[in-house]
Amino acid sequence: MLSVRGRKPAAVIVEPVAKLFAKAGISPNAVTTIGAAITIAIAVILIPTNHLIAAALLSGLFAAFDMVDGTMARLRGGGTKYGATLDATCDRLTDGALFAAITWWLIYTYDAPKPLVVAALIVLVCSQVISYVKARAEASGFKVNGGLVERPERLIIGLVGLGLQGFGVPYAIDVALWILALGSIFTVWQRLHMVKQSPQAKQIIAPPAGAKEFPGA
């Protein structure tokens, strides 16, 4: 939902940074890789050690690198297929690290009830599935745009809940994770429904290489 609407306001800040990096000779792929490495380090070091406010603020800051590299590629005349694959891979790694670290903190520091841990695991798994449905569908020629809980919503809700919990707001992370768990399950269904309703949904696909065809199939 926010992935398209949020780009224009953010461009005021992102474009000057992207131009600065480009003048310094830094490639978009380097920005992608460095940003992902720092974001993962922030999550797996600060969250388990209970530095929730710092983790929320720094994670939000470095998540902006996800827009900087794309802007740099656009300013160069367009990105590459490798760059797009690298960017998507790093997004999955950073999302996984964030919610895995939150789950670790829930178990070993927060003494969370089991249902809340289950909610966190649902978010962890569904964050990957939501993106996979889009990628797999687009590889088959479908267009899957939008969804209730896309990556920007997931990061905003998760990091705000984490930060508020760090400031002492009771049950802030609980509320955030339950919203994300329910919203993520719905978004998986929503994207699959988009594909199912497409006119091309029932087209027959070729069997994988090496698969045997049964007579009469």
C-alpha atoms as a PDB file:
ATOM      1  CA  MET A   1       0.000   0.000   0.000  1.00  0.00           C
ATOM      2  CA  LEU A   2       2.722   2.484   0.957  1.00  0.00           C
ATOM      3  CA  SER A   3       5.368   1.224  -1.450  1.00  0.00           C
ATOM      4  CA  VAL A   4       4.084   3.412  -4.293  1.00  0.00           C
ATOM      5  CA  ARG A   5       2.583   6.348  -2.386  1.00  0.00           C
ATOM      6  CA  GLY A   6       5.600   6.767  -0.141  1.00  0.00           C
ATOM      7  CA  ARG A   7       8.192   7.134  -2.876  1.00  0.00           C
ATOM      8  CA  LYS A   8       7.382  10.695  -3.999  1.00  0.00           C
ATOM      9  CA  PRO A   9       7.658  12.334  -0.536  1.00  0.00           C
ATOM     10  CA  ALA A  10      10.805  10.342   0.236  1.00  0.00           C
ATOM     11  CA  ALA A  11      12.416  11.337  -3.069  1.00  0.00           C
ATOM     12  CA  VAL A  12      13.191  14.799  -1.667  1.00  0.00           C
ATOM     13  CA  ILE A  13      15.713  13.205   0.708  1.00  0.00           C
ATOM     14  CA  VAL A  14      16.674  10.077  -1.215  1.00  0.00           C
ATOM     15  CA  GLU A  15      17.651  11.663  -4.544  1.00  0.00           C
ATOM     16  CA  PRO A  16      20.358  14.013  -3.135  1.00  0.00           C
ATOM     17  CA  VAL A  17      21.867  11.088  -1.209  1.00  0.00           C
ATOM     18  CA  ALA A  18      21.771   8.913  -4.320  1.00  0.00           C
ATOM     19  CA  LYS A  19      23.501  11.620  -6.372  1.00  0.00           C
ATOM     20  CA  LEU A  20      26.155  12.029  -3.682  1.00  0.00           C
ATOM     21  CA  PHE A  21      26.921   8.311  -3.649  1.00  0.00           C
ATOM     22  CA  ALA A  22      27.014   8.224  -7.448  1.00  0.00           C
ATOM     23  CA  LYS A  23      29.525  11.101  -7.572  1.00  0.00           C
ATOM     24  CA  ALA A  24      31.663   9.240  -5.048  1.00  0.00           C
ATOM     25  CA  GLY A  25      31.825   6.290  -7.438  1.00  0.00           C
ATOM     26  CA  ILE A  26      29.783   3.931  -5.263  1.00  0.00           C
ATOM     27  CA  SER A  27      27.702   1.456  -7.264  1.00  0.00           C
ATOM     28  CA  PRO A  28      24.015   0.746  -6.539  1.00  0.00           C
ATOM     29  CA  ASN A  29      24.879  -2.899  -5.833  1.00  0.00           C
ATOM     30  CA  ALA A  30      27.455  -1.833  -3.245  1.00  0.00           C
ATOM     31  CA  VAL A  31      24.844   0.351  -1.543  1.00  0.00           C
ATOM     32  CA  THR A  32      22.426  -2.593  -1.538  1.00  0.00           C
ATOM     33  CA  THR A  33      24.964  -4.966  -0.009  1.00  0.00           C
ATOM     34  CA  ILE A  34      26.363  -2.549   2.569  1.00  0.00           C
ATOM     35  CA  GLY A  35      22.912  -1.392   3.632  1.00  0.00           C
ATOM     36  CA  ALA A  36      21.714  -4.969   4.071  1.00  0.00           C
ATOM     37  CA  ALA A  37      24.803  -5.998   6.050  1.00  0.00           C
ATOM     38  CA  ILE A  38      24.475  -3.058   8.443  1.00  0.00           C
ATOM     39  CA  THR A  39      20.714  -3.566   8.855  1.00  0.00           C
ATOM     40  CA  ILE A  40      21.192  -7.260   9.657  1.00  0.00           C
ATOM     41  CA  ALA A  41      23.952  -6.442  12.166  1.00  0.00           C
ATOM     42  CA  ILE A  42      21.733  -3.860  13.881  1.00  0.00           C
ATOM     43  CA  ALA A  43      18.896  -6.370  14.254  1.00  0.00           C
ATOM     44  CA  VAL A  44      20.874  -9.370  15.472  1.00  0.00           C
ATOM     45  CA  ILE A  45      23.065  -7.371  17.875  1.00  0.00           C
ATOM     46  CA  LEU A  46      20.811  -4.672  19.340  1.00  0.00           C
ATOM     47  CA  ILE A  47      17.444  -6.458  19.631  1.00  0.00           C
ATOM     48  CA  PRO A  48      18.607  -9.584  21.521  1.00  0.00           C
ATOM     49  CA  THR A  49      20.599  -7.330  23.885  1.00  0.00           C
ATOM     50  CA  ASN A  50      17.428  -5.330  24.639  1.00  0.00           C
ATOM     51  CA  HIS A  51      18.481  -2.064  22.970  1.00  0.00           C
ATOM     52  CA  LEU A  52      15.064  -1.703  21.390  1.00  0.00           C
ATOM     53  CA  ILE A  53      14.931   2.048  20.813  1.00  0.00           C
ATOM     54  CA  ALA A  54      18.335   2.147  19.110  1.00  0.00           C
ATOM     55  CA  ALA A  55      17.419  -0.919  17.052  1.00  0.00           C
ATOM     56  CA  ALA A  56      14.145   0.641  15.884  1.00  0.00           C
ATOM     57  CA  LEU A  57      15.692   4.003  14.975  1.00  0.00           C
ATOM     58  CA  LEU A  58      18.779   2.627  13.236  1.00  0.00           C
ATOM     59  CA  SER A  59      16.847  -0.103  11.408  1.00  0.00           C
ATOM     60  CA  GLY A  60      14.441   2.500  10.082  1.00  0.00           C
ATOM     61  CA  LEU A  61      17.312   4.715   8.979  1.00  0.00           C
ATOM     62  CA  PHE A  62      19.199   2.017   7.097  1.00  0.00           C
ATOM     63  CA  ALA A  63      16.004   0.595   5.604  1.00  0.00           C
ATOM     64  CA  ALA A  64      16.025   3.791   3.535  1.00  0.00           C
ATOM     65  CA  PHE A  65      19.035   2.378   1.666  1.00  0.00           C
ATOM     66  CA  ASP A  66      16.499   0.198  -0.101  1.00  0.00           C
ATOM     67  CA  MET A  67      15.310   3.316  -1.918  1.00  0.00           C
ATOM     68  CA  VAL A  68      18.737   4.861  -2.429  1.00  0.00           C
ATOM     69  CA  ASP A  69      20.111   2.025  -4.546  1.00  0.00           C
ATOM     70  CA  GLY A  70      17.040   1.980  -6.776  1.00  0.00           C
ATOM     71  CA  THR A  71      17.238   5.745  -7.240  1.00  0.00           C
ATOM     72  CA  MET A  72      20.933   5.478  -8.128  1.00  0.00           C
ATOM     73  CA  ALA A  73      20.122   2.845 -10.751  1.00  0.00           C
ATOM     74  CA  ARG A  74      17.386   5.039 -12.208  1.00  0.00           C
ATOM     75  CA  LEU A  75      19.714   8.041 -12.380  1.00  0.00           C
ATOM     76  CA  ARG A  76      22.180   5.862 -14.304  1.00  0.00           C
ATOM     77  CA  GLY A  77      19.504   5.065 -16.869  1.00  0.00           C
ATOM     78  CA  GLY A  78      18.108   1.892 -15.352  1.00  0.00           C
ATOM     79  CA  GLY A  79      19.072  -1.025 -13.189  1.00  0.00           C
ATOM     80  CA  THR A  80      20.243  -4.480 -14.174  1.00  0.00           C
ATOM     81  CA  LYS A  81      18.518  -7.822 -13.718  1.00  0.00           C
ATOM     82  CA  TYR A  82      21.303  -8.866 -11.364  1.00  0.00           C
ATOM     83  CA  GLY A  83      20.828  -5.685  -9.344  1.00  0.00           C
ATOM     84  CA  ALA A  84      17.090  -6.336  -9.012  1.00  0.00           C
ATOM     85  CA  THR A  85      17.758  -9.929  -7.904  1.00  0.00           C
ATOM     86  CA  LEU A  86      20.386  -8.790  -5.403  1.00  0.00           C
ATOM     87  CA  ASP A  87      18.038  -6.147  -4.006  1.00  0.00           C
ATOM     88  CA  ALA A  88      15.168  -8.621  -3.568  1.00  0.00           C
ATOM     89  CA  THR A  89      17.483 -11.154  -1.933  1.00  0.00           C
ATOM     90  CA  CYS A  90      18.846  -8.598   0.530  1.00  0.00           C
ATOM     91  CA  ASP A  91      15.303  -7.504   1.388  1.00  0.00           C
ATOM     92  CA  ARG A  92      14.401 -11.078   2.304  1.00  0.00           C
ATOM     93  CA  LEU A  93      17.557 -11.444   4.410  1.00  0.00           C
ATOM     94  CA  THR A  94      17.006  -8.203   6.316  1.00  0.00           C
ATOM     95  CA  ASP A  95      13.320  -8.969   6.940  1.00  0.00           C
ATOM     96  CA  GLY A  96      14.226 -12.442   8.175  1.00  0.00           C
ATOM     97  CA  ALA A  97      16.950 -11.108  10.459  1.00  0.00           C
ATOM     98  CA  LEU A  98      14.643  -8.477  11.951  1.00  0.00           C
ATOM     99  CA  PHE A  99      11.776 -10.785  12.841  1.00  0.00           C
ATOM    100  CA  ALA A 100      14.072 -13.638  13.867  1.00  0.00           C
ATOM    101  CA  ALA A 101      15.806 -11.243  16.280  1.00  0.00           C
ATOM    102  CA  ILE A 102      12.446 -10.062  17.609  1.00  0.00           C
ATOM    103  CA  THR A 103      11.379 -13.678  18.128  1.00  0.00           C
ATOM    104  CA  TRP A 104      14.639 -14.396  19.980  1.00  0.00           C
ATOM    105  CA  TRP A 105      14.044 -11.366  22.203  1.00  0.00           C
ATOM    106  CA  LEU A 106      10.449 -12.437  22.877  1.00  0.00           C
ATOM    107  CA  ILE A 107      11.579 -15.853  24.095  1.00  0.00           C
ATOM    108  CA  TYR A 108      14.725 -15.031  26.058  1.00  0.00           C
ATOM    109  CA  THR A 109      14.102 -11.490  27.350  1.00  0.00           C
ATOM    110  CA  TYR A 110      10.405 -10.634  27.166  1.00  0.00           C
ATOM    111  CA  ASP A 111       9.239 -14.015  28.494  1.00  0.00           C
ATOM    112  CA  ALA A 112       6.436 -13.841  25.935  1.00  0.00           C
ATOM    113  CA  PRO A 113       3.449 -16.183  26.065  1.00  0.00           C
ATOM    114  CA  LYS A 114       3.510 -18.954  23.478  1.00  0.00           C
ATOM    115  CA  PRO A 115       0.709 -17.482  21.303  1.00  0.00           C
ATOM    116  CA  LEU A 116       2.747 -14.294  20.840  1.00  0.00           C
ATOM    117  CA  VAL A 117       5.796 -16.313  19.797  1.00  0.00           C
ATOM    118  CA  VAL A 118       3.578 -18.113  17.288  1.00  0.00           C
ATOM    119  CA  ALA A 119       2.410 -14.729  15.961  1.00  0.00           C
ATOM    120  CA  ALA A 120       6.034 -13.652  15.508  1.00  0.00           C
ATOM    121  CA  LEU A 121       6.835 -16.865  13.638  1.00  0.00           C
ATOM    122  CA  ILE A 122       3.803 -16.325  11.407  1.00  0.00           C
ATOM    123  CA  VAL A 123       5.128 -12.865  10.531  1.00  0.00           C
ATOM    124  CA  LEU A 124       8.603 -14.287   9.907  1.00  0.00           C
ATOM    125  CA  VAL A 125       7.299 -16.938   7.494  1.00  0.00           C
ATOM    126  CA  CYS A 126       4.616 -14.839   5.808  1.00  0.00           C
ATOM    127  CA  SER A 127       7.029 -11.963   5.179  1.00  0.00           C
ATOM    128  CA  GLN A 128       8.924 -14.319   2.892  1.00  0.00           C
ATOM    129  CA  VAL A 129       5.826 -15.889   1.342  1.00  0.00           C
ATOM    130  CA  ILE A 130       4.209 -12.546   0.490  1.00  0.00           C
ATOM    131  CA  SER A 131       7.248 -11.554  -1.537  1.00  0.00           C
ATOM    132  CA  TYR A 132       7.611 -15.023  -3.066  1.00  0.00           C
ATOM    133  CA  VAL A 133       4.027 -15.055  -4.344  1.00  0.00           C
ATOM    134  CA  LYS A 134       4.676 -11.783  -6.161  1.00  0.00           C
ATOM    135  CA  ALA A 135       8.020 -12.943  -7.584  1.00  0.00           C
ATOM    136  CA  ARG A 136       6.707 -16.343  -8.696  1.00  0.00           C
ATOM    137  CA  ALA A 137       3.575 -14.860 -10.217  1.00  0.00           C
ATOM    138  CA  GLU A 138       5.500 -12.205 -12.124  1.00  0.00           C
ATOM    139  CA  ALA A 139       7.889 -14.891 -13.390  1.00  0.00           C
ATOM    140  CA  SER A 140       4.798 -16.551 -14.879  1.00  0.00           C
ATOM    141  CA  GLY A 141       3.687 -13.334 -16.545  1.00  0.00           C
ATOM    142  CA  PHE A 142       1.156 -12.077 -13.979  1.00  0.00           C
ATOM    143  CA  LYS A 143       1.037  -8.606 -12.483  1.00  0.00           C
ATOM    144  CA  VAL A 144       0.678  -8.582  -8.694  1.00  0.00           C
ATOM    145  CA  ASN A 145       0.582  -5.044  -7.361  1.00  0.00           C
ATOM    146  CA  GLY A 146      -0.403  -3.968  -3.881  1.00  0.00           C
ATOM    147  CA  GLY A 147      -1.560  -5.807  -0.817  1.00  0.00           C
ATOM    148  CA  LEU A 148      -2.660  -4.988   2.707  1.00  0.00           C
ATOM    149  CA  VAL A 149       0.729  -5.597   4.350  1.00  0.00           C
ATOM    150  CA  GLU A 150       3.663  -5.059   2.013  1.00  0.00           C
ATOM    151  CA  ARG A 151       7.255  -4.545   3.115  1.00  0.00           C
ATOM    152  CA  PRO A 152       6.912  -0.842   4.061  1.00  0.00           C
ATOM    153  CA  GLU A 153       3.892  -1.540   6.285  1.00  0.00           C
ATOM    154  CA  ARG A 154       5.653  -4.536   7.806  1.00  0.00           C
ATOM    155  CA  LEU A 155       8.741  -2.514   8.698  1.00  0.00           C
ATOM    156  CA  ILE A 156       6.841   0.527   9.971  1.00  0.00           C
ATOM    157  CA  ILE A 157       4.474  -1.450  12.215  1.00  0.00           C
ATOM    158  CA  GLY A 158       7.210  -3.770  13.472  1.00  0.00           C
ATOM    159  CA  LEU A 159       9.750  -1.030  14.205  1.00  0.00           C
ATOM    160  CA  VAL A 160       7.203   1.338  15.762  1.00  0.00           C
ATOM    161  CA  GLY A 161       5.997  -1.468  18.029  1.00  0.00           C
ATOM    162  CA  LEU A 162       9.596  -2.281  18.945  1.00  0.00           C
ATOM    163  CA  GLY A 163      10.481   1.334  19.644  1.00  0.00           C
ATOM    164  CA  LEU A 164       7.384   2.020  21.741  1.00  0.00           C
ATOM    165  CA  GLN A 165       8.109  -1.130  23.749  1.00  0.00           C
ATOM    166  CA  GLY A 166      11.584   0.244  24.372  1.00  0.00           C
ATOM    167  CA  PHE A 167      10.058   3.502  25.639  1.00  0.00           C
ATOM    168  CA  GLY A 168       8.015   1.503  28.125  1.00  0.00           C
ATOM    169  CA  VAL A 169       4.635   1.414  26.382  1.00  0.00           C
ATOM    170  CA  PRO A 170       3.078  -1.836  27.624  1.00  0.00           C
ATOM    171  CA  TYR A 171       2.131  -4.492  25.060  1.00  0.00           C
ATOM    172  CA  ALA A 172       3.268  -2.316  22.130  1.00  0.00           C
ATOM    173  CA  ILE A 173       5.169  -5.175  20.514  1.00  0.00           C
ATOM    174  CA  ASP A 174       2.295  -7.566  21.239  1.00  0.00           C
ATOM    175  CA  VAL A 175      -0.180  -5.376  19.366  1.00  0.00           C
ATOM    176  CA  ALA A 176       2.240  -4.804  16.478  1.00  0.00           C
ATOM    177  CA  LEU A 177       2.939  -8.516  16.005  1.00  0.00           C
ATOM    178  CA  TRP A 178      -0.706  -9.554  16.130  1.00  0.00           C
ATOM    179  CA  ILE A 179      -1.618  -6.866  13.596  1.00  0.00           C
ATOM    180  CA  LEU A 180       1.195  -8.058  11.357  1.00  0.00           C
ATOM    181  CA  ALA A 181       0.363 -11.748  11.794  1.00  0.00           C
ATOM    182  CA  LEU A 182      -3.292 -11.343  10.853  1.00  0.00           C
ATOM    183  CA  GLY A 183      -2.542  -8.791   8.139  1.00  0.00           C
ATOM    184  CA  SER A 184       0.201 -10.976   6.647  1.00  0.00           C
ATOM    185  CA  ILE A 185      -2.020 -14.054   6.463  1.00  0.00           C
ATOM    186  CA  PHE A 186      -4.639 -11.956   4.698  1.00  0.00           C
ATOM    187  CA  THR A 187      -2.052 -10.531   2.291  1.00  0.00           C
ATOM    188  CA  VAL A 188      -0.855 -14.014   1.287  1.00  0.00           C
ATOM    189  CA  TRP A 189      -4.470 -14.931   0.469  1.00  0.00           C
ATOM    190  CA  GLN A 190      -5.001 -11.553  -1.216  1.00  0.00           C
ATOM    191  CA  ARG A 191      -2.083 -11.967  -3.594  1.00  0.00           C
ATOM    192  CA  LEU A 192      -2.970 -15.560  -4.416  1.00  0.00           C
ATOM    193  CA  HIS A 193      -6.521 -14.387  -5.106  1.00  0.00           C
ATOM    194  CA  MET A 194      -5.170 -11.732  -7.499  1.00  0.00           C
ATOM    195  CA  VAL A 195      -3.379 -14.457  -9.447  1.00  0.00           C
ATOM    196  CA  LYS A 196      -6.389 -16.784  -9.363  1.00  0.00           C
ATOM    197  CA  GLN A 197      -8.661 -14.083 -10.806  1.00  0.00           C
ATOM    198  CA  SER A 198      -6.284 -13.321 -13.678  1.00  0.00           C
ATOM    199  CA  PRO A 199      -7.479 -14.390 -17.164  1.00  0.00           C
ATOM    200  CA  GLN A 200      -4.230 -16.357 -17.596  1.00  0.00           C
ATOM    201  CA  ALA A 201      -4.596 -18.244 -14.305  1.00  0.00           C
ATOM    202  CA  LYS A 202      -5.695 -21.538 -15.889  1.00  0.00           C
ATOM    203  CA  GLN A 203      -3.141 -21.647 -18.660  1.00  0.00           C
ATOM    204  CA  ILE A 204      -1.304 -24.984 -18.798  1.00  0.00           C
ATOM    205  CA  ILE A 205       2.397 -24.771 -18.031  1.00  0.00           C
ATOM    206  CA  ALA A 206       5.104 -27.036 -19.375  1.00  0.00           C
ATOM    207  CA  PRO A 207       6.303 -29.828 -17.040  1.00  0.00           C
ATOM    208  CA  PRO A 208       9.743 -29.375 -15.472  1.00  0.00           C
ATOM    209  CA  ALA A 209      12.713 -30.735 -17.390  1.00  0.00           C
ATOM    210  CA  GLY A 210      13.077 -34.478 -16.914  1.00  0.00           C
ATOM    211  CA  ALA A 211       9.534 -35.040 -15.688  1.00  0.00           C
ATOM    212  CA  LYS A 212       7.753 -38.055 -17.132  1.00  0.00           C
ATOM    213  CA  GLU A 213       4.433 -37.575 -18.874  1.00  0.00           C
ATOM    214  CA  PHE A 214       1.798 -40.201 -18.139  1.00  0.00           C
ATOM    215  CA  PRO A 215      -0.298 -41.576 -21.010  1.00  0.00           C
ATOM    216  CA  GLY A 216      -3.597 -39.794 -21.292  1.00  0.00           C
ATOM    217  CA  ALA A 217      -2.509 -36.919 -19.088  1.00  0.00           C
END
